[in-house]
């Protein structure tokens, strides 16, 4: 699910950027691709919804059905840690349902969804240090820190680099989700091979 969610986002976001007229990745927000009236509205919002749903399924599967992570969560509190991994998917779905130029999106729902995805995506990557082994745990922390440090940079950057700074938040988290999914696949393949 993590691999699929990351691939869906990267591939379809690239398609949306390619077909949006005169799109500039340095200055345009990612959410401009999902704005009501944009020719990419359905594609991009659909992409976010599917990616978010896949993240939700992955988080639920890891912390509410997988015994491995139930045991490694802080004090065995898998349900509390699991919420941390559910929130980026929930945020992504909120962003997809409330485009920034819709009435509810403009009223704050879009920003709440985006911040939930950004902040908890970065925290999830950093927290994965408790769930993974080196060298991946180092890679995970670096990607999470890049996402978290980029949030205030994005907030205080000017419009001329808004698209660039937003991508410094989103892309490391999506890359982490892809790699974490691959890491988990390798762990489970190794378990099967040892059995």
Foldseek 3Di string as FASTA:
>chain_A
DLQVLLVLQVVLLVVLQVPFPPRDLQQDASLVSCAPPTPNNCSNLVSLLVSLVVQQVVLCCCQVPDPLVCVLPVVSPSVVVSVLSNQLSVLSNQLSVQRCPDPVNVVPSNVVSLCSNQLSLLVNLQVCLSVDDPPSNVLSNVLSVQLVVLVVVLVPPDSSRNSVSSCSRPVSSSVSSSVVVVRVVVVVVVVVVVD
